[in-house]
Protein backbone atom coordinates (compact mmCIF):
# COMPACT_ATOMS: atom_id res chain seq x y z
CA MET A 1 0.00 0.00 0.00
CA GLU A 2 2.82 2.35 0.81
CA GLY A 3 4.61 1.59 -2.46
CA SER A 4 1.59 2.27 -4.57
CA GLU A 5 1.00 5.54 -2.80
CA HIS A 6 4.60 6.59 -3.37
CA ASN A 7 4.35 5.84 -7.08
CA ALA A 8 1.18 7.78 -7.31
CA VAL A 9 2.93 10.76 -5.76
CA ASN A 10 5.82 10.44 -8.21
CA THR A 11 3.45 10.21 -11.09
CA ALA A 12 1.72 13.32 -9.93
CA LEU A 13 5.06 15.12 -9.66
CA GLY A 14 6.21 13.94 -13.10
CA THR A 15 9.31 12.08 -11.82
CA GLU A 16 10.63 8.67 -12.84
CA PRO A 17 9.64 5.58 -10.85
CA LEU A 18 11.97 4.43 -8.10
CA GLU A 19 14.69 1.87 -8.73
CA SER A 20 12.55 -0.70 -7.06
CA GLU A 21 9.88 -0.10 -9.69
CA GLY A 22 12.15 -0.88 -12.65
CA ALA A 23 13.80 2.50 -13.28
CA GLY A 24 17.55 3.15 -13.11
CA PRO A 25 19.30 4.82 -10.13
CA THR A 26 18.39 8.42 -9.51
CA SER A 27 21.17 11.04 -9.83
CA PRO A 28 21.66 13.37 -6.84
CA LEU A 29 21.57 16.29 -9.29
CA GLN A 30 18.24 15.11 -10.62
CA SER A 31 16.82 15.10 -7.17
CA THR A 32 17.64 18.77 -6.73
CA ALA A 33 16.88 19.96 -10.28
CA SER A 34 13.88 22.09 -10.96
CA PRO A 35 11.07 20.65 -13.00
CA ALA A 36 12.07 22.74 -16.00
CA VAL A 37 15.65 21.53 -15.88
CA GLY A 38 14.54 18.01 -15.42
CA ALA A 39 12.41 18.25 -18.54
CA VAL A 40 15.29 19.13 -20.89
CA GLY A 41 18.20 17.57 -19.11
CA LEU A 42 21.05 19.19 -17.17
CA GLN A 43 22.56 22.19 -19.08
CA GLN A 44 26.30 23.06 -18.88
CA GLY A 45 27.08 26.61 -17.61
CA ILE A 46 28.32 29.31 -20.04
CA MET A 47 30.96 31.74 -18.81
CA SER A 48 32.19 34.85 -20.70
CA GLN A 49 35.62 36.41 -20.14
CA PRO A 50 37.06 39.62 -21.70
CA VAL A 51 40.49 39.31 -23.37
CA ILE A 52 42.61 42.38 -24.22
CA VAL A 53 44.01 42.18 -27.75
CA GLY A 54 46.41 44.87 -29.00
CA SER A 55 49.17 45.26 -31.56
CA GLU A 56 52.78 44.98 -30.52
CA PRO A 57 54.42 48.40 -30.15
CA LYS A 58 56.57 49.43 -33.08
CA ARG A 59 60.10 49.15 -31.92
CA PRO A 60 62.38 52.08 -32.80
CA LYS A 61 65.61 50.18 -32.18
CA VAL A 62 66.74 49.67 -35.79
CA PRO A 63 66.20 53.31 -36.95
CA MET A 64 67.83 54.60 -33.79
CA ILE A 65 70.88 52.37 -34.29
CA ILE A 66 71.15 53.48 -37.91
CA ALA A 67 70.85 57.09 -36.80
CA ALA A 68 73.62 56.67 -34.24
CA VAL A 69 75.96 54.99 -36.75
CA LEU A 70 75.35 57.63 -39.42
CA VAL A 71 75.82 60.50 -36.98
CA VAL A 72 79.12 59.01 -35.80
CA ILE A 73 80.30 58.56 -39.39
CA GLY A 74 79.18 62.10 -40.17
CA LEU A 75 81.08 63.55 -37.23
CA VAL A 76 84.20 61.60 -38.17
CA GLY A 77 83.95 62.80 -41.77
CA LEU A 78 83.45 66.39 -40.71
CA GLY A 79 86.36 66.10 -38.29
CA ILE A 80 88.65 64.76 -41.02
CA GLY A 81 87.56 67.51 -43.40
CA VAL A 82 88.21 70.23 -40.84
CA ALA A 83 91.57 68.72 -39.83
CA VAL A 84 92.77 68.42 -43.43
CA GLY A 85 91.60 71.95 -44.21
CA GLY A 86 93.45 73.20 -41.14
CA SER A 87 96.65 71.44 -42.19
CA ILE A 88 96.46 73.14 -45.62
CA GLU A 89 96.14 76.52 -43.92
CA ASP A 90 99.12 75.72 -41.68
CA THR A 91 101.22 74.78 -44.72
CA PHE A 92 100.25 78.01 -46.47
CA ASN A 93 101.14 80.11 -43.45
CA GLY A 94 104.48 78.31 -43.21
CA LEU A 95 105.63 79.12 -46.74
CA SER A 96 108.94 80.96 -47.00
CA THR A 97 109.78 83.57 -49.65
CA LEU A 98 113.54 83.64 -49.00
CA GLU A 99 114.55 81.16 -51.71
CA TYR A 100 112.31 82.82 -54.28
CA THR A 101 113.30 86.45 -53.71
CA THR A 102 115.65 88.16 -56.19
CA ALA A 103 117.16 91.65 -56.00
CA ILE A 104 116.74 93.66 -59.24
CA GLY A 105 118.04 97.09 -58.16
CA GLU A 106 116.23 100.22 -59.32
CA SER A 107 115.23 98.53 -62.59
CA GLY A 108 114.87 94.90 -63.70
CA ASP A 109 113.38 92.69 -66.41
CA LEU A 110 110.82 89.96 -65.76
CA THR A 111 109.60 87.38 -68.30
CA HIS A 112 106.04 86.13 -68.02
CA ASP A 113 106.03 82.36 -68.46
CA ASP A 114 102.69 80.55 -68.58
CA GLN A 115 103.33 77.45 -70.69
CA ASP A 116 100.27 75.51 -69.49
CA GLY A 117 97.95 78.46 -70.07
CA LEU A 118 96.37 78.06 -66.64
CA GLY A 119 97.57 81.42 -65.35
CA GLU A 120 100.36 82.52 -63.04
CA GLU A 121 100.54 83.84 -59.50
CA GLY A 122 103.01 86.47 -60.70
CA TRP A 123 105.49 88.47 -58.61
CA TYR A 124 105.60 90.75 -55.61
CA VAL A 125 107.70 93.92 -56.05
CA LEU A 126 109.32 94.92 -52.74
CA ILE A 127 111.17 97.96 -51.45
CA PRO A 128 112.81 98.40 -48.02
CA GLY A 129 110.64 99.99 -45.34
CA ASP A 130 107.90 99.54 -42.75
CA PRO A 131 104.64 98.53 -44.47
CA ARG A 132 102.59 100.24 -41.73
CA ALA A 133 104.54 103.45 -41.25
CA ASP A 134 102.50 106.58 -42.03
CA GLN A 135 103.76 109.49 -39.98
CA ASN A 136 101.76 112.18 -41.77
CA ASN A 137 98.55 110.09 -41.70
CA ASN A 138 97.81 110.47 -45.40
CA ASN A 139 97.22 106.72 -45.92
CA ILE A 140 100.41 106.36 -47.98
CA VAL A 141 103.29 104.20 -46.76
CA ASP A 142 106.19 106.50 -45.90
CA ALA A 143 108.75 104.32 -47.70
CA CYS A 144 107.25 105.03 -51.11
CA GLU A 145 105.96 108.54 -50.52
CA GLY A 146 106.46 110.50 -53.76
CA VAL A 147 108.04 107.55 -55.60
CA MET A 148 106.79 106.64 -59.09
CA PHE A 149 106.85 103.01 -60.20
CA SER A 150 106.30 101.87 -63.77
CA VAL A 151 106.12 98.73 -65.92
CA LEU A 152 107.26 99.00 -69.54
CA ASP A 153 107.02 96.50 -72.40
CA GLU A 154 109.84 95.75 -74.86
CA ASP A 155 108.84 98.75 -76.97
CA GLY A 156 109.08 101.11 -74.00
CA ASN A 157 105.31 101.50 -73.64
CA ASP A 158 103.90 101.92 -70.17
CA VAL A 159 101.71 98.84 -69.55
CA SER A 160 101.33 99.29 -65.80
CA ASP A 161 97.52 99.34 -65.89
CA ARG A 162 97.36 96.10 -67.89
CA THR A 163 100.07 94.10 -66.13
CA ALA A 164 100.32 95.28 -62.52
CA ARG A 165 98.60 96.54 -59.39
CA ILE A 166 100.87 99.31 -58.09
CA SER A 167 99.83 100.86 -54.79
CA CYS A 168 101.29 102.06 -51.49
CA SER A 169 97.87 102.95 -50.10
CA LEU A 170 96.92 102.14 -46.52
CA ASP A 171 93.27 102.92 -47.18
CA GLU A 172 91.33 99.78 -46.24
CA LYS A 173 88.52 100.75 -48.61
CA ALA A 174 90.75 101.22 -51.65
CA SER A 175 90.05 98.55 -54.26
CA ASP A 176 93.59 98.69 -55.72
CA SER A 177 95.44 98.50 -52.40
CA ASN A 178 98.13 95.90 -51.67
CA LEU A 179 97.32 96.17 -47.99
CA TYR A 180 95.81 92.70 -47.75
CA GLU A 181 98.45 90.81 -49.68
CA GLU A 182 99.97 87.89 -47.75
CA TYR A 183 103.42 88.83 -46.43
CA PHE A 184 104.44 85.29 -45.38
CA ASP A 185 107.91 85.74 -43.81
CA ILE A 186 108.65 89.11 -45.49
CA GLU A 187 110.04 91.59 -42.98
CA ASN A 188 111.16 95.22 -43.23
CA HIS A 189 109.90 95.49 -46.80
CA VAL A 190 106.80 96.94 -48.43
CA ILE A 191 104.84 95.21 -51.18
CA VAL A 192 104.46 98.07 -53.65
CA ALA A 193 103.16 96.05 -56.60
CA ARG A 194 101.93 92.67 -57.78
CA LEU A 195 102.68 91.82 -61.40
CA CYS A 196 101.08 89.37 -63.85
CA TYR A 197 98.55 87.80 -61.52
CA THR A 198 96.72 85.93 -64.31
CA ILE A 199 94.90 83.19 -62.36
CA THR A 200 91.24 83.36 -63.40
CA ASP A 201 88.42 83.70 -60.91
CA ASP A 202 85.09 81.84 -60.81
CA VAL A 203 83.77 83.70 -63.83
CA GLY A 204 86.96 83.27 -65.87
CA VAL A 205 88.37 86.77 -65.40
CA SER A 206 91.97 87.47 -64.39
CA GLU A 207 93.25 90.65 -62.76
CA HIS A 208 96.15 91.16 -65.17
CA ASP A 209 96.75 90.57 -68.85
CA CYS A 210 100.28 89.39 -69.49
CA GLU A 211 101.20 87.61 -72.70
CA GLU A 212 103.17 84.37 -72.83
CA GLY A 213 106.88 85.14 -73.07
CA GLU A 214 106.34 88.88 -72.63
CA VAL A 215 109.34 90.73 -71.14
CA LEU A 216 108.43 93.51 -68.71
CA THR A 217 110.75 96.13 -67.22
CA VAL A 218 109.99 97.27 -63.67
CA SER A 219 111.57 100.53 -62.48
CA ASN A 220 111.20 103.49 -60.13
CA ASP A 221 112.27 107.12 -60.39
CA ALA A 222 113.84 107.41 -56.92
CA GLY A 223 116.77 105.03 -57.34
CA ILE A 224 115.39 102.62 -54.71
CA ASN A 225 116.76 99.09 -54.80
CA MET A 226 113.88 96.68 -55.39
CA SER A 227 113.37 92.93 -55.00
CA VAL A 228 110.87 90.56 -56.56
CA VAL A 229 109.30 87.40 -55.14
CA ASP A 230 108.40 84.66 -57.66
CA LEU A 231 105.12 83.47 -56.14
CA ASP A 232 104.44 80.81 -58.77
CA ALA A 233 107.80 79.13 -58.18
CA MET A 234 107.31 79.27 -54.41
CA TYR A 235 103.92 77.55 -54.53
CA ILE A 236 105.01 74.84 -56.98
CA GLU A 237 108.54 74.03 -55.84
CA SER A 238 107.62 73.98 -52.17
CA GLY A 239 105.03 71.28 -52.92
CA PHE A 240 102.19 73.46 -51.72
CA VAL A 241 100.16 73.15 -54.95
CA GLU A 242 100.42 69.35 -54.93
CA GLU A 243 99.49 69.23 -51.27
CA LEU A 244 96.63 71.64 -51.90
CA VAL A 245 95.18 69.45 -54.66
CA THR A 246 95.55 66.19 -52.71
CA LYS A 247 94.42 67.38 -49.32
CA GLY A 248 91.80 69.61 -50.85
CA ALA A 249 90.18 66.62 -52.54
CA VAL A 250 90.31 64.60 -49.30
CA SER A 251 88.86 67.50 -47.36
CA VAL A 252 86.00 68.02 -49.82
CA VAL A 253 85.13 64.30 -49.97
CA SER A 254 85.34 63.87 -46.18
CA PHE A 255 83.34 67.00 -45.49
CA GLY A 256 80.71 66.04 -48.09
CA ALA A 257 80.44 62.48 -46.79
CA GLY A 258 80.23 63.79 -43.25
CA CYS A 259 77.39 66.15 -44.13
CA CYS A 260 75.47 63.44 -46.00
CA SER A 261 75.92 60.92 -43.18
CA ALA A 262 74.87 63.46 -40.56
CA CYS A 263 71.75 64.33 -42.58
CA GLY A 264 70.95 60.64 -43.02
CA GLY A 265 71.38 60.14 -39.29
CA LEU A 266 68.96 62.95 -38.54
CA VAL A 267 66.39 61.41 -40.90
CA ALA A 268 66.78 58.00 -39.25
CA LEU A 269 66.48 59.65 -35.84
CA VAL A 270 63.22 61.31 -36.84
CA VAL A 271 61.89 57.99 -38.16
CA GLY A 272 62.89 56.27 -34.93
CA LEU A 273 61.25 58.90 -32.77
CA THR A 274 58.09 58.71 -34.90
CA ARG A 275 57.93 54.95 -34.53
CA LEU A 276 58.48 55.27 -30.81
CA GLY A 277 55.02 56.70 -30.41
CA GLY A 278 53.41 54.69 -33.18
CA THR A 279 51.54 51.98 -31.22
CA LYS A 280 47.92 51.21 -31.97
CA PRO A 281 45.46 51.40 -29.06
CA ALA A 282 44.67 48.03 -27.45
CA GLN A 283 41.26 46.53 -28.29
CA GLN A 284 39.07 44.65 -25.83
CA VAL A 285 37.51 41.49 -27.30
CA GLN A 286 35.08 39.34 -25.30
CA PHE A 287 35.18 35.59 -25.82
CA GLN A 288 32.63 33.07 -24.49
CA ILE A 289 34.32 30.08 -22.91
CA ARG A 290 32.16 26.97 -22.38
């Protein structure tokens, strides 16, 4: 009687018959499940979890390393260029005129020789005296006050204007002054003229017009003993021209390479700094994990 009543209760509740009535063993979960769960079977739980997904930051290491290398190369190149340029200047300042100075008295003949047609440095014409002495403050060196200098060709024509720059002016604004000529090791003498300076400038113009093989006679009307310095011979025979060409080329190449490398380094540095801040913002993606 008790068994039949129990089955009737189970039937009313919609549950399976007891094991003793031919059904399988009852799960503990089934005994606690709600009627709705029991109708469809036990459902597995679903759990969601957010996952942060973002791009890796762009690393600036490679551009920064390139920048550092290029800057170092640039600085080395610039340093070499400056050092070589400085050594050329030192060589120039160390030139000596003694071996290339010739006394010509109050009158002397000079032959212009320009076999390669590239122009000549010409000559300095010197007279004894202090190149800065000007007791009466008239901007004329005292040593050549009132002295007339001239340059004549083989026919006796005065060609001073064409072949020479003759000046004893101390006026710094005078365009024809010899005030800024390089004295090298010349002492107790005044540069009163520069003859046959036929090296062309950037636009192909030379200061003087002296013909190949032309003989010029330099003289003064005061009986002053003069000397001449062969500038072309001094530059060539001392090895200065050869050194100038060689070191000049090295200096230009080194300086140019240094500038290019430094500029490349700056570009790489900018790229590196740009990439340093070039990360994309992280994105939050939500996955459902069963």
